[in-house]
């Protein structure tokens, strides 16, 4: 299924001391470069959701789209920005695949398995899970739900899991060993651990 990929990098990275977490170095390259490499072959287009000056991401050659909801409203706002971009630039595309910019080990079958899970369950949404935990920001989104998401955010909804559950969300599970493919980097210690995993070729 034609799918646009969206990398969510619109957070404040407080636990990393602020700044752009996605630009922190991992195994000699920015974290974001690892995410782009993992996602590029799975999607027809790639977008980056980030707020502030987009020029700092110019080296990645991706369209940079900012939240349209003010005050750092969280991943739902980034997903809405991605859905709006598709409606304007790829109106024939029905699906958005979102990932977090701090997950450098995204599996190569992410898009395929989320599509399979969604189709089997008959739901308009799907999300990834590993180690018994759902990763709501790593998911597949129907562009048909764009207006509903607009309304939900305007009414103050900020909880990604609550909004997806209201529409029906399929779950695709991955094993968490030898490394969790959705390992995300929130602290300097986790960045160091990701470096060890990357050095081990995981």
C-alpha atoms as a PDB file:
ATOM      1  CA  UNK A   1       0.000   0.000   0.000  1.00  0.00           C
ATOM      2  CA  UNK A   2       1.383   3.466  -0.862  1.00  0.00           C
ATOM      3  CA  UNK A   3       2.533   4.901   2.468  1.00  0.00           C
ATOM      4  CA  UNK A   4       4.212   8.118   3.583  1.00  0.00           C
ATOM      5  CA  UNK A   5       6.666   7.824   6.466  1.00  0.00           C
ATOM      6  CA  UNK A   6       6.777  10.430   9.219  1.00  0.00           C
ATOM      7  CA  UNK A   7       9.634  10.780  11.704  1.00  0.00           C
ATOM      8  CA  UNK A   8       8.466  12.499  14.882  1.00  0.00           C
ATOM      9  CA  UNK A   9      11.122  14.888  16.219  1.00  0.00           C
ATOM     10  CA  UNK A  10       8.934  17.624  17.652  1.00  0.00           C
ATOM     11  CA  UNK A  11       9.517  16.999  21.361  1.00  0.00           C
ATOM     12  CA  UNK A  12      11.522  19.022  23.850  1.00  0.00           C
ATOM     13  CA  UNK A  13      14.022  16.269  24.868  1.00  0.00           C
ATOM     14  CA  UNK A  14      14.045  17.433  28.498  1.00  0.00           C
ATOM     15  CA  UNK A  15      15.674  14.237  29.808  1.00  0.00           C
ATOM     16  CA  UNK A  16      18.531  14.748  27.328  1.00  0.00           C
ATOM     17  CA  UNK A  17      19.059  18.299  28.500  1.00  0.00           C
ATOM     18  CA  UNK A  18      17.023  19.903  25.719  1.00  0.00           C
ATOM     19  CA  UNK A  19      17.991  20.571  22.127  1.00  0.00           C
ATOM     20  CA  UNK A  20      17.536  18.215  19.189  1.00  0.00           C
ATOM     21  CA  UNK A  21      17.844  14.684  20.483  1.00  0.00           C
ATOM     22  CA  UNK A  22      17.663  13.345  16.910  1.00  0.00           C
ATOM     23  CA  UNK A  23      20.924  15.141  16.073  1.00  0.00           C
ATOM     24  CA  UNK A  24      22.919  13.559  18.902  1.00  0.00           C
ATOM     25  CA  UNK A  25      25.704  11.344  17.559  1.00  0.00           C
ATOM     26  CA  UNK A  26      25.282   7.573  17.586  1.00  0.00           C
ATOM     27  CA  UNK A  27      28.035   5.374  16.125  1.00  0.00           C
ATOM     28  CA  UNK A  28      29.487   8.376  14.295  1.00  0.00           C
ATOM     29  CA  UNK A  29      26.228   9.631  12.772  1.00  0.00           C
ATOM     30  CA  UNK A  30      23.167  11.481  14.084  1.00  0.00           C
ATOM     31  CA  UNK A  31      20.460   9.285  15.585  1.00  0.00           C
ATOM     32  CA  UNK A  32      18.153  10.617  12.886  1.00  0.00           C
ATOM     33  CA  UNK A  33      20.384   9.227  10.132  1.00  0.00           C
ATOM     34  CA  UNK A  34      19.923   5.717  11.517  1.00  0.00           C
ATOM     35  CA  UNK A  35      16.146   6.153  11.615  1.00  0.00           C
ATOM     36  CA  UNK A  36      16.058   7.474   8.047  1.00  0.00           C
ATOM     37  CA  UNK A  37      18.104   4.514   6.792  1.00  0.00           C
ATOM     38  CA  UNK A  38      15.780   2.021   8.475  1.00  0.00           C
ATOM     39  CA  UNK A  39      12.603   3.672   7.207  1.00  0.00           C
ATOM     40  CA  UNK A  40      13.485   4.867   3.708  1.00  0.00           C
ATOM     41  CA  UNK A  41      12.966   1.584   1.861  1.00  0.00           C
ATOM     42  CA  UNK A  42       9.599   1.005   3.511  1.00  0.00           C
ATOM     43  CA  UNK A  43       7.827   4.202   2.394  1.00  0.00           C
ATOM     44  CA  UNK A  44       7.099   6.145  -0.791  1.00  0.00           C
ATOM     45  CA  UNK A  45       8.022   9.485   0.809  1.00  0.00           C
ATOM     46  CA  UNK A  46       9.633  10.506   4.098  1.00  0.00           C
ATOM     47  CA  UNK A  47       8.763  13.547   6.216  1.00  0.00           C
ATOM     48  CA  UNK A  48      10.288  14.988   9.365  1.00  0.00           C
ATOM     49  CA  UNK A  49       8.057  16.563  11.998  1.00  0.00           C
ATOM     50  CA  UNK A  50      10.074  19.180  13.894  1.00  0.00           C
ATOM     51  CA  UNK A  51       9.406  22.626  15.302  1.00  0.00           C
ATOM     52  CA  UNK A  52      11.646  25.692  15.097  1.00  0.00           C
ATOM     53  CA  UNK A  53      14.115  26.520  12.334  1.00  0.00           C
ATOM     54  CA  UNK A  54      13.991  23.718   9.733  1.00  0.00           C
ATOM     55  CA  UNK A  55      17.437  24.655   8.388  1.00  0.00           C
ATOM     56  CA  UNK A  56      19.153  22.575  11.067  1.00  0.00           C
ATOM     57  CA  UNK A  57      17.862  19.439   9.315  1.00  0.00           C
ATOM     58  CA  UNK A  58      18.750  20.568   5.776  1.00  0.00           C
ATOM     59  CA  UNK A  59      21.418  17.901   5.399  1.00  0.00           C
ATOM     60  CA  UNK A  60      18.838  15.124   5.467  1.00  0.00           C
ATOM     61  CA  UNK A  61      16.963  16.301   2.379  1.00  0.00           C
ATOM     62  CA  UNK A  62      13.533  15.704   3.916  1.00  0.00           C
ATOM     63  CA  UNK A  63      10.488  17.975   3.964  1.00  0.00           C
ATOM     64  CA  UNK A  64      10.308  19.398   7.503  1.00  0.00           C
ATOM     65  CA  UNK A  65       6.794  20.029   8.765  1.00  0.00           C
ATOM     66  CA  UNK A  66       5.975  21.768  12.030  1.00  0.00           C
ATOM     67  CA  UNK A  67       3.048  21.208  14.372  1.00  0.00           C
ATOM     68  CA  UNK A  68       0.001  23.291  13.542  1.00  0.00           C
ATOM     69  CA  UNK A  69      -1.238  22.892  17.127  1.00  0.00           C
ATOM     70  CA  UNK A  70       0.618  25.295  19.476  1.00  0.00           C
ATOM     71  CA  UNK A  71       2.565  24.654  22.685  1.00  0.00           C
ATOM     72  CA  UNK A  72       4.196  21.308  21.853  1.00  0.00           C
ATOM     73  CA  UNK A  73       0.977  19.296  21.967  1.00  0.00           C
ATOM     74  CA  UNK A  74       2.753  15.951  21.653  1.00  0.00           C
ATOM     75  CA  UNK A  75       2.912  13.216  19.015  1.00  0.00           C
ATOM     76  CA  UNK A  76      -0.755  13.528  18.026  1.00  0.00           C
ATOM     77  CA  UNK A  77       0.010  17.039  16.767  1.00  0.00           C
ATOM     78  CA  UNK A  78       2.923  15.729  14.719  1.00  0.00           C
ATOM     79  CA  UNK A  79       0.793  12.974  13.243  1.00  0.00           C
ATOM     80  CA  UNK A  80      -1.867  15.514  12.320  1.00  0.00           C
ATOM     81  CA  UNK A  81       0.787  17.597  10.546  1.00  0.00           C
ATOM     82  CA  UNK A  82       1.767  14.504   8.560  1.00  0.00           C
ATOM     83  CA  UNK A  83      -1.827  13.727   7.621  1.00  0.00           C
ATOM     84  CA  UNK A  84      -2.346  17.336   6.523  1.00  0.00           C
ATOM     85  CA  UNK A  85       0.797  17.163   4.356  1.00  0.00           C
ATOM     86  CA  UNK A  86      -0.497  14.027   2.631  1.00  0.00           C
ATOM     87  CA  UNK A  87      -3.863  15.662   1.991  1.00  0.00           C
ATOM     88  CA  UNK A  88      -2.109  18.600   0.314  1.00  0.00           C
ATOM     89  CA  UNK A  89       0.781  16.885  -1.483  1.00  0.00           C
ATOM     90  CA  UNK A  90      -0.149  13.202  -1.970  1.00  0.00           C
ATOM     91  CA  UNK A  91      -3.966  13.169  -2.010  1.00  0.00           C
ATOM     92  CA  UNK A  92      -4.096   9.653  -3.494  1.00  0.00           C
ATOM     93  CA  UNK A  93      -2.120   8.205  -0.570  1.00  0.00           C
ATOM     94  CA  UNK A  94      -4.250   6.692   2.189  1.00  0.00           C
ATOM     95  CA  UNK A  95      -1.679   5.765   4.829  1.00  0.00           C
ATOM     96  CA  UNK A  96       0.853   7.431   7.120  1.00  0.00           C
ATOM     97  CA  UNK A  97       3.500   5.440   8.994  1.00  0.00           C
ATOM     98  CA  UNK A  98       4.895   7.242  12.045  1.00  0.00           C
ATOM     99  CA  UNK A  99       8.048   6.464  14.000  1.00  0.00           C
ATOM    100  CA  UNK A 100       9.886   8.287  16.765  1.00  0.00           C
ATOM    101  CA  UNK A 101      13.148  10.036  15.898  1.00  0.00           C
ATOM    102  CA  UNK A 102      14.869   8.408  18.887  1.00  0.00           C
ATOM    103  CA  UNK A 103      14.340   4.761  17.807  1.00  0.00           C
ATOM    104  CA  UNK A 104      17.442   3.855  15.748  1.00  0.00           C
ATOM    105  CA  UNK A 105      16.758   0.100  15.501  1.00  0.00           C
ATOM    106  CA  UNK A 106      13.378   0.175  13.711  1.00  0.00           C
ATOM    107  CA  UNK A 107      12.718  -3.209  12.027  1.00  0.00           C
ATOM    108  CA  UNK A 108      12.840  -3.524   8.269  1.00  0.00           C
ATOM    109  CA  UNK A 109       9.401  -5.135   8.151  1.00  0.00           C
ATOM    110  CA  UNK A 110       7.635  -2.427  10.183  1.00  0.00           C
ATOM    111  CA  UNK A 111       5.396  -1.078   7.418  1.00  0.00           C
ATOM    112  CA  UNK A 112       4.553  -4.501   6.002  1.00  0.00           C
ATOM    113  CA  UNK A 113       3.599  -6.033   9.325  1.00  0.00           C
ATOM    114  CA  UNK A 114       1.544  -3.037  10.443  1.00  0.00           C
ATOM    115  CA  UNK A 115      -0.386  -3.162   7.173  1.00  0.00           C
ATOM    116  CA  UNK A 116      -0.938  -6.905   7.641  1.00  0.00           C
ATOM    117  CA  UNK A 117      -2.175  -6.411  11.206  1.00  0.00           C
ATOM    118  CA  UNK A 118      -4.522  -3.617  10.201  1.00  0.00           C
ATOM    119  CA  UNK A 119      -5.970  -5.541   7.268  1.00  0.00           C
ATOM    120  CA  UNK A 120      -6.475  -8.696   9.347  1.00  0.00           C
ATOM    121  CA  UNK A 121      -8.214  -6.800  12.142  1.00  0.00           C
ATOM    122  CA  UNK A 122     -10.256  -4.551   9.868  1.00  0.00           C
ATOM    123  CA  UNK A 123      -9.173  -1.423  11.766  1.00  0.00           C
ATOM    124  CA  UNK A 124      -8.083   1.986  10.439  1.00  0.00           C
ATOM    125  CA  UNK A 125      -5.052   2.057  12.748  1.00  0.00           C
ATOM    126  CA  UNK A 126      -2.218  -0.235  13.795  1.00  0.00           C
ATOM    127  CA  UNK A 127       0.656   0.158  16.231  1.00  0.00           C
ATOM    128  CA  UNK A 128       3.807  -1.720  17.128  1.00  0.00           C
ATOM    129  CA  UNK A 129       4.449  -3.595  20.358  1.00  0.00           C
ATOM    130  CA  UNK A 130       7.417  -5.373  21.916  1.00  0.00           C
ATOM    131  CA  UNK A 131       8.107  -6.907  25.278  1.00  0.00           C
ATOM    132  CA  UNK A 132       4.404  -6.721  26.112  1.00  0.00           C
ATOM    133  CA  UNK A 133       4.312  -2.930  25.689  1.00  0.00           C
ATOM    134  CA  UNK A 134       2.530  -0.973  22.972  1.00  0.00           C
ATOM    135  CA  UNK A 135       4.385   1.838  21.207  1.00  0.00           C
ATOM    136  CA  UNK A 136       1.555   4.161  20.245  1.00  0.00           C
ATOM    137  CA  UNK A 137       3.719   6.649  18.343  1.00  0.00           C
ATOM    138  CA  UNK A 138       5.036   3.899  16.067  1.00  0.00           C
ATOM    139  CA  UNK A 139       2.010   3.167  14.000  1.00  0.00           C
ATOM    140  CA  UNK A 140      -0.027   3.227  10.845  1.00  0.00           C
ATOM    141  CA  UNK A 141      -2.673   5.910  10.397  1.00  0.00           C
ATOM    142  CA  UNK A 142      -5.546   6.207   7.944  1.00  0.00           C
ATOM    143  CA  UNK A 143      -5.653   9.615   6.279  1.00  0.00           C
ATOM    144  CA  UNK A 144      -9.450   9.266   6.370  1.00  0.00           C
ATOM    145  CA  UNK A 145      -9.285  10.036  10.118  1.00  0.00           C
ATOM    146  CA  UNK A 146      -7.601  13.420   9.579  1.00  0.00           C
ATOM    147  CA  UNK A 147     -10.658  15.568  10.277  1.00  0.00           C
ATOM    148  CA  UNK A 148     -11.537  13.548  13.365  1.00  0.00           C
ATOM    149  CA  UNK A 149      -8.025  14.104  14.698  1.00  0.00           C
ATOM    150  CA  UNK A 150      -8.355  17.833  13.979  1.00  0.00           C
ATOM    151  CA  UNK A 151     -11.487  17.899  16.122  1.00  0.00           C
ATOM    152  CA  UNK A 152      -9.980  15.816  18.913  1.00  0.00           C
ATOM    153  CA  UNK A 153      -6.932  18.081  19.232  1.00  0.00           C
ATOM    154  CA  UNK A 154      -9.117  21.211  19.107  1.00  0.00           C
ATOM    155  CA  UNK A 155     -11.105  19.735  22.004  1.00  0.00           C
ATOM    156  CA  UNK A 156      -7.932  19.177  24.039  1.00  0.00           C
ATOM    157  CA  UNK A 157      -7.138  15.499  23.423  1.00  0.00           C
ATOM    158  CA  UNK A 158      -3.418  14.844  23.879  1.00  0.00           C
ATOM    159  CA  UNK A 159      -3.331  11.123  24.783  1.00  0.00           C
ATOM    160  CA  UNK A 160      -2.357   9.191  21.720  1.00  0.00           C
ATOM    161  CA  UNK A 161      -3.448   5.813  23.072  1.00  0.00           C
ATOM    162  CA  UNK A 162      -6.907   7.052  24.010  1.00  0.00           C
ATOM    163  CA  UNK A 163      -7.574   8.463  20.558  1.00  0.00           C
ATOM    164  CA  UNK A 164      -6.438   5.324  18.758  1.00  0.00           C
ATOM    165  CA  UNK A 165      -8.453   3.031  21.016  1.00  0.00           C
ATOM    166  CA  UNK A 166     -11.588   5.006  20.215  1.00  0.00           C
ATOM    167  CA  UNK A 167     -11.218   4.109  16.524  1.00  0.00           C
ATOM    168  CA  UNK A 168      -9.847   0.587  16.773  1.00  0.00           C
ATOM    169  CA  UNK A 169      -6.163  -0.217  16.601  1.00  0.00           C
ATOM    170  CA  UNK A 170      -4.505  -3.481  15.578  1.00  0.00           C
ATOM    171  CA  UNK A 171      -1.316  -4.556  17.354  1.00  0.00           C
ATOM    172  CA  UNK A 172       1.750  -6.069  15.669  1.00  0.00           C
ATOM    173  CA  UNK A 173       4.192  -7.617  18.158  1.00  0.00           C
ATOM    174  CA  UNK A 174       7.957  -7.975  17.746  1.00  0.00           C
ATOM    175  CA  UNK A 175      10.338  -9.926  20.015  1.00  0.00           C
ATOM    176  CA  UNK A 176      12.388  -7.781  22.378  1.00  0.00           C
ATOM    177  CA  UNK A 177      15.465 -10.022  22.207  1.00  0.00           C
ATOM    178  CA  UNK A 178      18.371  -9.863  21.466  1.00  0.00           C
ATOM    179  CA  UNK A 179      17.517  -6.161  21.250  1.00  0.00           C
ATOM    180  CA  UNK A 180      14.186  -4.407  21.381  1.00  0.00           C
ATOM    181  CA  UNK A 181      13.670  -2.978  17.842  1.00  0.00           C
ATOM    182  CA  UNK A 182      11.817  -0.063  19.453  1.00  0.00           C
ATOM    183  CA  UNK A 183      14.546   0.798  21.956  1.00  0.00           C
ATOM    184  CA  UNK A 184      14.228   4.545  22.346  1.00  0.00           C
ATOM    185  CA  UNK A 185      16.792   7.008  23.583  1.00  0.00           C
ATOM    186  CA  UNK A 186      15.640   9.406  26.287  1.00  0.00           C
ATOM    187  CA  UNK A 187      18.711   9.845  28.491  1.00  0.00           C
ATOM    188  CA  UNK A 188      22.496  10.083  28.053  1.00  0.00           C
ATOM    189  CA  UNK A 189      22.738   6.607  29.575  1.00  0.00           C
ATOM    190  CA  UNK A 190      20.372   5.183  26.963  1.00  0.00           C
ATOM    191  CA  UNK A 191      22.357   6.913  24.229  1.00  0.00           C
ATOM    192  CA  UNK A 192      25.482   5.170  25.510  1.00  0.00           C
ATOM    193  CA  UNK A 193      23.661   1.827  25.554  1.00  0.00           C
ATOM    194  CA  UNK A 194      22.446   2.389  21.977  1.00  0.00           C
ATOM    195  CA  UNK A 195      26.044   3.013  21.000  1.00  0.00           C
ATOM    196  CA  UNK A 196      27.057  -0.350  22.458  1.00  0.00           C
ATOM    197  CA  UNK A 197      24.205  -2.081  20.618  1.00  0.00           C
ATOM    198  CA  UNK A 198      25.117  -0.385  17.342  1.00  0.00           C
ATOM    199  CA  UNK A 199      28.764  -1.359  17.758  1.00  0.00           C
ATOM    200  CA  UNK A 200      27.659  -4.976  18.242  1.00  0.00           C
ATOM    201  CA  UNK A 201      25.813  -4.835  14.917  1.00  0.00           C
ATOM    202  CA  UNK A 202      22.356  -5.198  16.443  1.00  0.00           C
END
